[in-house]
């Protein structure tokens, strides 16, 4: 290895001079699977993709406040870059916050943006040496489809993290896949998860209106796509500078109120994160029981009834045998049910696990800003800043707090909508499931005569 590489999802951390063992050269997309000296296995760039690799390295060097993947900054961005800023963005860069019924809210679009991710197709380049899956994305605003590979989604994710992650939680994409990338089941699962990720981005009032997402959904040709990418990669309002574009049309908050909001949201996100993880753990256990022990037990009950029926030489013989078959049918229903209802419960909770995993880093930026403002009086005394600078810091801290409040209110409204819809679907499927079992048992019961 001639250069250090900072890892992302399923990517291998490599140090300069380290010797790697290539374990799979057929990953594609400019990647190979390799094992490092510590025995860790993951993806690294193929030497033939050196120029692209160096672009990534340059990006890391140019933006040291971010790790290459979010959640998790390499360190908390320095809020001083923004706290002493006097200018506010104008025009299309301006992000207003208004007083809504539930508190501070972002400006929502009149027409809700949405898109459909569908029609995955296998493509190739370099005379068929490298293959990939391309998805068709159709926004509701134009109904004109555009095509994107996973690496384009990855590029979009990186731009959104770079620009918004200090103010908005940007959940990770589904992971890269080393093997089985072209298997039908994997493609279906990835498309479903990309759909969920894109829908969440489209539902966000700030992200949905961003130039980078609009480019992703609406570019007309390769030239427009490349020009738009270059422009997005040169965006100046990134990191903590995103707060300089926010314009709350609300009274200024004092630092005490800001800290109170920070503590409340920090406690809430930790609590919900723990609850979501608990539900996921229970769900995984239940799925395993349905497709393992429970299915086996119902089969054993069915087999036992059928074995018992063989010792009867009366009219009860076929009835007992039919009851046994009923329990075998129930076994298959139990094993198949998680795919019909629990799957969607788990997927939604995995989405929220990803979202909630971003909040600690986003909130940490606010904590760092609160601590800086607390030092303001001492800095004034030491003649390092003026009273006017102190007021600017407090005003900007207030703006940051309104951004956090608007984001939490957006999160709450989405949470209520998502879980209301999810639980309705889950319980409807559960009712159908138990009604089907009840009907089968009633049918079996009806075969027995009252004596």
Protein backbone atom coordinates (compact mmCIF):
# COMPACT_ATOMS: atom_id res chain seq x y z
CA UNK A 1 0.00 0.00 0.00
CA UNK A 2 1.44 3.39 -0.99
CA UNK A 3 -1.20 5.62 0.63
CA UNK A 4 -3.40 5.68 3.74
CA UNK A 5 -7.12 5.07 3.17
CA UNK A 6 -9.90 6.15 5.58
CA UNK A 7 -12.63 3.49 5.58
CA UNK A 8 -16.37 3.75 4.99
CA UNK A 9 -19.06 1.06 5.14
CA UNK A 10 -17.48 -2.40 4.64
CA UNK A 11 -14.24 -0.65 3.60
CA UNK A 12 -10.89 -1.73 5.03
CA UNK A 13 -8.67 0.67 6.95
CA UNK A 14 -5.22 0.71 5.36
CA UNK A 15 -1.97 2.35 6.42
CA UNK A 16 0.93 3.41 4.19
CA UNK A 17 3.39 0.56 3.71
CA UNK A 18 0.96 -2.11 4.89
CA UNK A 19 0.86 -5.42 2.99
CA UNK A 20 -2.60 -6.65 1.96
CA UNK A 21 -3.74 -10.07 0.76
CA UNK A 22 -6.34 -9.87 -2.03
CA UNK A 23 -9.15 -12.38 -1.31
CA UNK A 24 -11.59 -11.45 -4.10
CA UNK A 25 -10.78 -9.55 -7.31
CA UNK A 26 -14.30 -9.78 -8.76
CA UNK A 27 -16.10 -7.28 -6.54
CA UNK A 28 -16.34 -4.69 -9.32
CA UNK A 29 -16.85 -0.93 -9.27
CA UNK A 30 -13.13 -0.28 -8.77
CA UNK A 31 -12.96 -2.34 -5.57
CA UNK A 32 -11.31 -5.57 -4.47
CA UNK A 33 -11.76 -7.53 -1.25
CA UNK A 34 -8.59 -7.81 0.83
CA UNK A 35 -7.29 -8.87 4.26
CA UNK A 36 -4.89 -6.65 6.24
CA UNK A 37 -2.10 -7.70 8.62
CA UNK A 38 -4.56 -7.75 11.57
CA UNK A 39 -6.81 -10.29 9.84
CA UNK A 40 -9.59 -7.81 9.07
CA UNK A 41 -11.36 -8.30 5.71
CA UNK A 42 -13.01 -5.50 3.71
CA UNK A 43 -13.07 -3.47 0.50
CA UNK A 44 -10.15 -1.41 -0.85
CA UNK A 45 -9.59 0.42 -4.13
CA UNK A 46 -8.15 -1.47 -7.06
CA UNK A 47 -4.81 0.01 -8.23
CA UNK A 48 -6.39 0.62 -11.61
CA UNK A 49 -8.68 3.14 -9.91
CA UNK A 50 -5.75 5.13 -8.45
CA UNK A 51 -6.92 8.52 -9.73
CA UNK A 52 -10.36 8.07 -8.18
CA UNK A 53 -8.67 6.86 -4.99
CA UNK A 54 -6.53 10.00 -4.85
CA UNK A 55 -9.63 12.18 -5.28
CA UNK A 56 -11.04 10.53 -2.16
CA UNK A 57 -7.78 11.04 -0.26
CA UNK A 58 -7.72 14.71 -1.32
CA UNK A 59 -11.32 15.06 -0.14
CA UNK A 60 -10.39 13.66 3.29
CA UNK A 61 -7.38 16.00 3.54
CA UNK A 62 -9.45 19.00 2.45
CA UNK A 63 -12.28 18.28 4.89
CA UNK A 64 -10.59 16.99 8.07
CA UNK A 65 -13.57 17.75 10.34
CA UNK A 66 -15.57 14.84 8.92
CA UNK A 67 -14.91 11.15 8.85
CA UNK A 68 -15.68 9.75 5.41
CA UNK A 69 -18.82 8.09 6.69
CA UNK A 70 -21.54 9.39 8.98
CA UNK A 71 -22.65 8.88 11.74
CA UNK A 72 -19.47 9.76 13.58
CA UNK A 73 -17.37 12.86 12.92
CA UNK A 74 -13.63 12.23 13.25
CA UNK A 75 -13.96 15.01 15.81
CA UNK A 76 -16.68 17.48 16.70
CA UNK A 77 -16.55 20.38 14.20
CA UNK A 78 -15.35 23.65 15.70
CA UNK A 79 -18.41 25.93 16.13
CA UNK A 80 -16.19 29.04 16.33
CA UNK A 81 -16.11 29.01 12.53
CA UNK A 82 -19.77 30.02 12.69
CA UNK A 83 -20.26 31.66 16.10
CA UNK A 84 -18.34 34.80 15.16
CA UNK A 85 -19.90 35.02 11.67
CA UNK A 86 -21.86 38.22 10.99
CA UNK A 87 -23.12 37.64 7.47
CA UNK A 88 -26.24 35.66 6.60
CA UNK A 89 -26.85 33.94 3.27
CA UNK A 90 -29.38 35.47 0.93
CA UNK A 91 -31.70 34.27 -1.81
CA UNK A 92 -31.87 30.55 -2.52
CA UNK A 93 -29.23 29.74 0.11
CA UNK A 94 -31.38 31.15 2.90
CA UNK A 95 -33.14 28.61 5.16
CA UNK A 96 -36.01 30.29 7.05
CA UNK A 97 -37.49 29.01 10.33
CA UNK A 98 -41.00 30.02 11.40
CA UNK A 99 -43.13 29.76 14.52
CA UNK A 100 -45.48 26.83 14.00
CA UNK A 101 -48.16 25.25 16.18
CA UNK A 102 -45.60 22.91 17.74
CA UNK A 103 -42.79 25.47 17.94
CA UNK A 104 -40.04 26.43 15.46
CA UNK A 105 -40.46 24.72 12.07
CA UNK A 106 -38.69 24.64 8.74
CA UNK A 107 -40.42 26.10 5.69
CA UNK A 108 -42.23 23.17 4.06
CA UNK A 109 -42.80 23.02 0.28
CA UNK A 110 -46.34 23.38 -1.06
CA UNK A 111 -45.97 20.10 -2.96
CA UNK A 112 -44.36 17.22 -1.08
CA UNK A 113 -41.41 15.81 -3.05
CA UNK A 114 -41.33 12.05 -3.48
CA UNK A 115 -39.73 9.54 -5.81
CA UNK A 116 -39.93 5.88 -6.79
CA UNK A 117 -36.83 3.68 -6.94
CA UNK A 118 -37.56 0.80 -9.32
CA UNK A 119 -36.58 -1.29 -12.35
CA UNK A 120 -33.04 -2.42 -11.37
CA UNK A 121 -30.99 -3.47 -14.39
CA UNK A 122 -27.54 -4.97 -14.72
CA UNK A 123 -25.09 -2.86 -16.70
CA UNK A 124 -21.42 -3.19 -17.57
CA UNK A 125 -18.43 -1.16 -18.72
CA UNK A 126 -14.84 -1.75 -19.85
CA UNK A 127 -16.09 -4.30 -22.40
CA UNK A 128 -17.99 -6.24 -19.77
CA UNK A 129 -15.12 -6.54 -17.28
CA UNK A 130 -16.99 -4.54 -14.65
CA UNK A 131 -20.66 -4.98 -13.88
CA UNK A 132 -23.08 -2.95 -11.79
CA UNK A 133 -26.78 -2.55 -11.01
CA UNK A 134 -28.51 0.64 -12.16
CA UNK A 135 -31.78 1.82 -10.64
CA UNK A 136 -34.47 4.00 -12.18
CA UNK A 137 -35.56 6.92 -9.97
CA UNK A 138 -38.73 8.80 -10.90
CA UNK A 139 -39.61 12.01 -8.98
CA UNK A 140 -43.26 12.99 -8.63
CA UNK A 141 -42.46 16.55 -9.73
CA UNK A 142 -41.48 15.62 -13.29
CA UNK A 143 -42.46 11.94 -13.72
CA UNK A 144 -39.28 11.73 -15.81
CA UNK A 145 -37.02 8.83 -14.77
CA UNK A 146 -33.27 9.16 -14.23
CA UNK A 147 -30.80 6.30 -13.79
CA UNK A 148 -28.31 5.92 -10.95
CA UNK A 149 -25.87 3.31 -9.69
CA UNK A 150 -25.19 2.69 -6.01
CA UNK A 151 -22.02 4.79 -6.23
CA UNK A 152 -24.16 7.78 -7.28
CA UNK A 153 -26.32 7.32 -4.17
CA UNK A 154 -23.06 7.16 -2.22
CA UNK A 155 -21.90 10.44 -3.77
CA UNK A 156 -25.23 12.07 -2.87
CA UNK A 157 -24.94 10.80 0.69
CA UNK A 158 -21.43 12.23 1.05
CA UNK A 159 -22.53 15.62 -0.25
CA UNK A 160 -25.51 15.72 2.13
CA UNK A 161 -23.29 14.78 5.08
CA UNK A 162 -20.70 17.38 4.16
CA UNK A 163 -23.30 20.12 3.81
CA UNK A 164 -25.96 19.36 6.42
CA UNK A 165 -24.70 16.89 9.05
CA UNK A 166 -23.88 19.58 11.62
CA UNK A 167 -27.54 20.61 11.64
CA UNK A 168 -29.51 17.62 10.30
CA UNK A 169 -29.14 13.88 10.91
CA UNK A 170 -28.25 12.13 7.63
CA UNK A 171 -28.67 8.35 8.03
CA UNK A 172 -26.27 5.98 6.27
CA UNK A 173 -27.07 4.23 3.03
CA UNK A 174 -27.41 0.43 3.04
CA UNK A 175 -23.89 -1.05 3.16
CA UNK A 176 -21.72 -1.99 0.22
CA UNK A 177 -21.82 -5.70 -0.57
CA UNK A 178 -18.73 -7.79 -1.26
CA UNK A 179 -20.42 -10.93 -2.60
CA UNK A 180 -23.88 -11.73 -3.94
CA UNK A 181 -24.40 -8.24 -5.35
CA UNK A 182 -26.21 -9.57 -8.41
CA UNK A 183 -28.47 -12.05 -6.62
CA UNK A 184 -32.16 -11.28 -7.05
CA UNK A 185 -32.95 -11.33 -3.32
CA UNK A 186 -30.12 -8.89 -2.51
CA UNK A 187 -31.07 -6.52 -5.34
CA UNK A 188 -34.67 -6.50 -4.11
CA UNK A 189 -33.59 -5.80 -0.53
CA UNK A 190 -31.17 -3.03 -1.53
CA UNK A 191 -33.80 -1.38 -3.76
CA UNK A 192 -36.30 -1.45 -0.88
CA UNK A 193 -33.78 0.18 1.46
CA UNK A 194 -32.69 2.76 -1.11
CA UNK A 195 -36.37 3.59 -1.56
CA UNK A 196 -36.75 4.11 2.19
CA UNK A 197 -33.64 6.31 2.31
CA UNK A 198 -34.69 8.41 -0.67
CA UNK A 199 -38.25 8.82 0.65
CA UNK A 200 -36.85 10.13 3.93
CA UNK A 201 -34.59 12.59 2.13
CA UNK A 202 -37.49 13.75 -0.07
CA UNK A 203 -39.73 14.28 2.96
CA UNK A 204 -37.23 16.64 4.60
CA UNK A 205 -38.11 20.27 3.82
CA UNK A 206 -34.46 21.42 3.75
CA UNK A 207 -32.89 18.45 1.97
CA UNK A 208 -35.70 18.12 -0.58
CA UNK A 209 -35.10 21.69 -1.74
CA UNK A 210 -31.30 21.42 -1.83
CA UNK A 211 -29.53 21.82 -5.15
CA UNK A 212 -27.69 18.54 -4.76
CA UNK A 213 -30.86 16.44 -4.33
CA UNK A 214 -32.60 18.32 -7.13
CA UNK A 215 -29.62 17.57 -9.39
CA UNK A 216 -29.75 13.88 -8.44
CA UNK A 217 -33.44 13.65 -9.34
CA UNK A 218 -33.68 15.99 -12.31
CA UNK A 219 -30.47 16.03 -14.37
CA UNK A 220 -31.15 15.77 -18.12
CA UNK A 221 -27.89 14.47 -19.53
CA UNK A 222 -24.36 13.44 -18.60
CA UNK A 223 -22.99 16.94 -19.11
CA UNK A 224 -25.52 18.50 -16.71
CA UNK A 225 -24.83 15.74 -14.17
CA UNK A 226 -21.04 16.29 -14.23
CA UNK A 227 -21.31 20.10 -14.07
CA UNK A 228 -23.77 19.82 -11.18
CA UNK A 229 -21.45 17.46 -9.33
CA UNK A 230 -18.51 19.85 -9.66
CA UNK A 231 -20.62 22.74 -8.40
CA UNK A 232 -21.86 20.72 -5.41
CA UNK A 233 -18.31 19.67 -4.52
CA UNK A 234 -17.28 23.35 -4.40
CA UNK A 235 -20.14 24.43 -2.12
CA UNK A 236 -18.89 26.88 0.53
CA UNK A 237 -21.81 26.54 2.95
CA UNK A 238 -20.79 23.21 4.45
CA UNK A 239 -20.07 21.96 7.97
CA UNK A 240 -20.92 24.49 10.69
CA UNK A 241 -21.18 27.20 8.01
CA UNK A 242 -24.63 25.78 7.19
CA UNK A 243 -25.90 27.69 10.23
CA UNK A 244 -24.99 30.98 8.54
CA UNK A 245 -27.72 30.23 5.98
CA UNK A 246 -30.41 29.79 8.65
CA UNK A 247 -32.67 32.76 9.32
CA UNK A 248 -35.12 32.25 12.20
CA UNK A 249 -37.90 34.83 12.19
CA UNK A 250 -38.22 34.44 15.97
CA UNK A 251 -37.03 36.28 19.11
CA UNK A 252 -33.47 35.62 20.24
CA UNK A 253 -33.03 32.93 22.92
CA UNK A 254 -30.71 33.42 25.87
CA UNK A 255 -27.94 30.80 26.40
CA UNK A 256 -29.79 29.31 29.39
CA UNK A 257 -32.82 28.48 27.23
CA UNK A 258 -30.53 27.02 24.56
CA UNK A 259 -28.83 24.71 27.07
CA UNK A 260 -32.20 23.59 28.43
CA UNK A 261 -33.36 22.59 24.93
CA UNK A 262 -30.05 20.79 24.30
CA UNK A 263 -30.40 18.72 27.49
CA UNK A 264 -34.02 17.83 26.68
CA UNK A 265 -33.28 16.67 23.13
CA UNK A 266 -30.14 14.82 24.17
CA UNK A 267 -32.07 12.85 26.78
CA UNK A 268 -34.98 12.16 24.39
CA UNK A 269 -32.80 10.83 21.55
CA UNK A 270 -30.89 8.54 23.93
CA UNK A 271 -34.15 7.20 25.34
CA UNK A 272 -35.73 6.54 21.95
CA UNK A 273 -32.52 5.01 20.63
CA UNK A 274 -32.53 2.50 23.51
CA UNK A 275 -36.21 1.69 22.93
CA UNK A 276 -35.72 1.14 19.19
CA UNK A 277 -32.73 -1.14 19.82
CA UNK A 278 -34.75 -3.11 22.37
CA UNK A 279 -37.60 -3.60 19.87
CA UNK A 280 -35.12 -4.71 17.20
CA UNK A 281 -33.55 -7.25 19.57
CA UNK A 282 -36.97 -8.66 20.51
CA UNK A 283 -38.01 -8.71 16.85
CA UNK A 284 -34.90 -10.63 15.78
CA UNK A 285 -35.49 -13.16 18.56
CA UNK A 286 -39.16 -13.58 17.62
CA UNK A 287 -38.30 -14.06 13.93
CA UNK A 288 -35.79 -16.78 14.85
CA UNK A 289 -38.38 -18.51 17.05
CA UNK A 290 -41.04 -18.41 14.33
CA UNK A 291 -38.74 -19.95 11.73
CA UNK A 292 -37.10 -22.33 14.22
CA UNK A 293 -38.48 -23.66 17.53
CA UNK A 294 -42.14 -22.60 17.05
CA UNK A 295 -42.38 -24.04 13.55
CA UNK A 296 -40.74 -27.25 14.79
CA UNK A 297 -43.12 -27.53 17.76
CA UNK A 298 -46.25 -27.15 15.62
CA UNK A 299 -44.89 -29.75 13.21
CA UNK A 300 -44.25 -32.11 16.12
CA UNK A 301 -47.80 -31.59 17.41
CA UNK A 302 -49.16 -32.36 13.94
CA UNK A 303 -47.00 -35.46 13.62
CA UNK A 304 -48.05 -36.67 17.08
CA UNK A 305 -51.76 -36.39 16.18
CA UNK A 306 -51.17 -38.29 12.94
CA UNK A 307 -49.22 -41.00 14.76
CA UNK A 308 -52.03 -41.29 17.30
CA UNK A 309 -54.60 -41.60 14.52
CA UNK A 310 -52.84 -44.70 13.21
CA UNK A 311 -53.80 -46.72 16.31
CA UNK A 312 -57.51 -45.93 15.91
CA UNK A 313 -59.68 -48.27 13.90
CA UNK A 314 -62.77 -46.14 14.32
CA UNK A 315 -64.24 -43.17 12.47
CA UNK A 316 -61.95 -40.93 14.57
CA UNK A 317 -58.93 -42.11 12.55
CA UNK A 318 -59.26 -39.76 9.55
CA UNK A 319 -60.37 -36.91 11.83
CA UNK A 320 -57.26 -37.11 14.02
CA UNK A 321 -55.10 -37.34 10.92
CA UNK A 322 -56.75 -34.20 9.48
CA UNK A 323 -56.15 -32.38 12.78
CA UNK A 324 -52.51 -33.34 12.56
CA UNK A 325 -52.29 -31.92 9.05
CA UNK A 326 -53.96 -28.71 10.29
CA UNK A 327 -51.17 -28.23 12.82
CA UNK A 328 -48.57 -28.85 10.14
CA UNK A 329 -50.24 -26.13 8.05
CA UNK A 330 -50.16 -23.81 11.08
CA UNK A 331 -46.42 -24.52 11.40
CA UNK A 332 -45.85 -23.19 7.88
CA UNK A 333 -48.05 -20.14 8.55
CA UNK A 334 -46.03 -19.34 11.68
CA UNK A 335 -42.73 -19.63 9.78
CA UNK A 336 -43.92 -17.46 6.89
CA UNK A 337 -45.63 -14.72 8.90
CA UNK A 338 -42.54 -12.61 9.83
CA UNK A 339 -41.95 -11.80 6.13
CA UNK A 340 -45.50 -10.44 5.91
CA UNK A 341 -45.50 -8.14 8.94
CA UNK A 342 -42.40 -8.27 11.18
CA UNK A 343 -40.16 -7.52 8.21
CA UNK A 344 -41.67 -4.03 7.79
CA UNK A 345 -41.58 -3.40 11.54
CA UNK A 346 -37.88 -4.28 11.58
CA UNK A 347 -37.03 -2.24 8.48
CA UNK A 348 -38.69 0.91 9.84
CA UNK A 349 -36.97 0.50 13.19
CA UNK A 350 -33.64 -0.03 11.44
CA UNK A 351 -34.23 3.28 9.65
CA UNK A 352 -34.87 4.99 12.97
CA UNK A 353 -31.86 3.31 14.53
CA UNK A 354 -29.78 4.89 11.75
CA UNK A 355 -31.39 8.29 12.23
CA UNK A 356 -31.04 8.24 16.01
CA UNK A 357 -27.42 7.14 15.63
CA UNK A 358 -26.72 10.47 13.90
CA UNK A 359 -28.21 12.70 16.60
CA UNK A 360 -25.37 12.42 19.18
CA UNK A 361 -22.88 13.89 16.69
CA UNK A 362 -25.29 16.59 15.53
CA UNK A 363 -26.18 17.51 19.12
CA UNK A 364 -22.48 17.48 20.10
CA UNK A 365 -21.96 20.44 17.77
CA UNK A 366 -24.52 22.36 19.83
CA UNK A 367 -22.87 21.33 23.09
CA UNK A 368 -19.51 22.59 21.82
CA UNK A 369 -21.15 25.90 20.83
CA UNK A 370 -22.80 26.25 24.27
CA UNK A 371 -19.41 25.70 25.95
CA UNK A 372 -17.78 28.31 23.71
CA UNK A 373 -20.44 30.91 24.52
CA UNK A 374 -19.98 30.18 28.24
CA UNK A 375 -16.36 31.24 27.81
CA UNK A 376 -17.39 34.56 26.21
CA UNK A 377 -17.29 36.64 29.43
CA UNK A 378 -13.80 35.39 30.19
CA UNK A 379 -12.68 36.12 26.62
CA UNK A 380 -14.07 39.67 26.90
CA UNK A 381 -12.15 40.16 30.15
CA UNK A 382 -8.98 38.92 28.46
CA UNK A 383 -9.64 41.38 25.57
CA UNK A 384 -9.70 38.49 23.09
CA UNK A 385 -13.20 39.39 21.89
CA UNK A 386 -15.38 42.49 22.23
CA UNK A 387 -18.81 42.83 23.84
CA UNK A 388 -20.22 43.04 20.31
CA UNK A 389 -18.49 39.73 19.47
CA UNK A 390 -20.06 38.20 22.56
CA UNK A 391 -23.51 39.34 21.47
CA UNK A 392 -22.93 37.93 17.97
CA UNK A 393 -21.96 34.58 19.54
CA UNK A 394 -25.11 34.50 21.65
CA UNK A 395 -27.28 35.48 18.68
CA UNK A 396 -25.72 32.76 16.52
CA UNK A 397 -26.10 30.22 19.33
CA UNK A 398 -29.80 31.10 19.38
CA UNK A 399 -29.96 30.46 15.63
CA UNK A 400 -28.33 27.06 16.12
CA UNK A 401 -30.88 26.22 18.80
CA UNK A 402 -33.80 27.16 16.56
CA UNK A 403 -32.34 24.90 13.85
CA UNK A 404 -32.17 22.03 16.36
CA UNK A 405 -35.73 22.71 17.53
CA UNK A 406 -37.06 22.85 13.95
CA UNK A 407 -35.27 19.58 13.19
CA UNK A 408 -36.63 17.86 16.30
CA UNK A 409 -40.16 19.03 15.47
CA UNK A 410 -39.74 17.60 11.97
CA UNK A 411 -38.46 14.36 13.47
CA UNK A 412 -41.42 14.17 15.88
CA UNK A 413 -44.02 14.70 13.12
CA UNK A 414 -42.37 12.02 10.96
CA UNK A 415 -42.11 9.67 13.91
CA UNK A 416 -45.83 9.93 14.68
CA UNK A 417 -46.76 9.44 11.01
CA UNK A 418 -44.36 6.53 10.45
CA UNK A 419 -45.24 4.56 13.57
CA UNK A 420 -48.97 5.16 13.22
CA UNK A 421 -48.90 3.81 9.67
CA UNK A 422 -46.52 0.99 10.62
CA UNK A 423 -48.52 -0.24 13.62
CA UNK A 424 -51.77 -0.14 11.64
CA UNK A 425 -50.21 -2.36 8.98
CA UNK A 426 -48.53 -4.68 11.49
CA UNK A 427 -51.68 -5.22 13.57
CA UNK A 428 -53.86 -5.69 10.47
CA UNK A 429 -51.49 -8.44 9.30
CA UNK A 430 -51.42 -9.98 12.78
CA UNK A 431 -55.24 -10.04 12.86
CA UNK A 432 -55.33 -11.75 9.43
CA UNK A 433 -52.73 -14.25 10.64
CA UNK A 434 -54.61 -15.27 13.78
CA UNK A 435 -57.96 -15.27 11.96
CA UNK A 436 -56.50 -17.71 9.41
CA UNK A 437 -55.28 -19.97 12.22
CA UNK A 438 -58.66 -19.68 13.97
CA UNK A 439 -60.49 -20.67 10.77
CA UNK A 440 -58.28 -23.71 10.33
CA UNK A 441 -58.87 -24.78 13.94
CA UNK A 442 -62.63 -24.24 13.60
CA UNK A 443 -62.63 -26.40 10.47
CA UNK A 444 -60.75 -29.13 12.33
CA UNK A 445 -63.13 -28.83 15.29
CA UNK A 446 -66.17 -29.16 13.01
CA UNK A 447 -65.05 -32.66 12.00
CA UNK A 448 -65.68 -33.98 15.51
CA UNK A 449 -69.20 -34.98 16.57
CA UNK A 450 -70.68 -34.17 19.96
CA UNK A 451 -71.30 -37.33 21.96
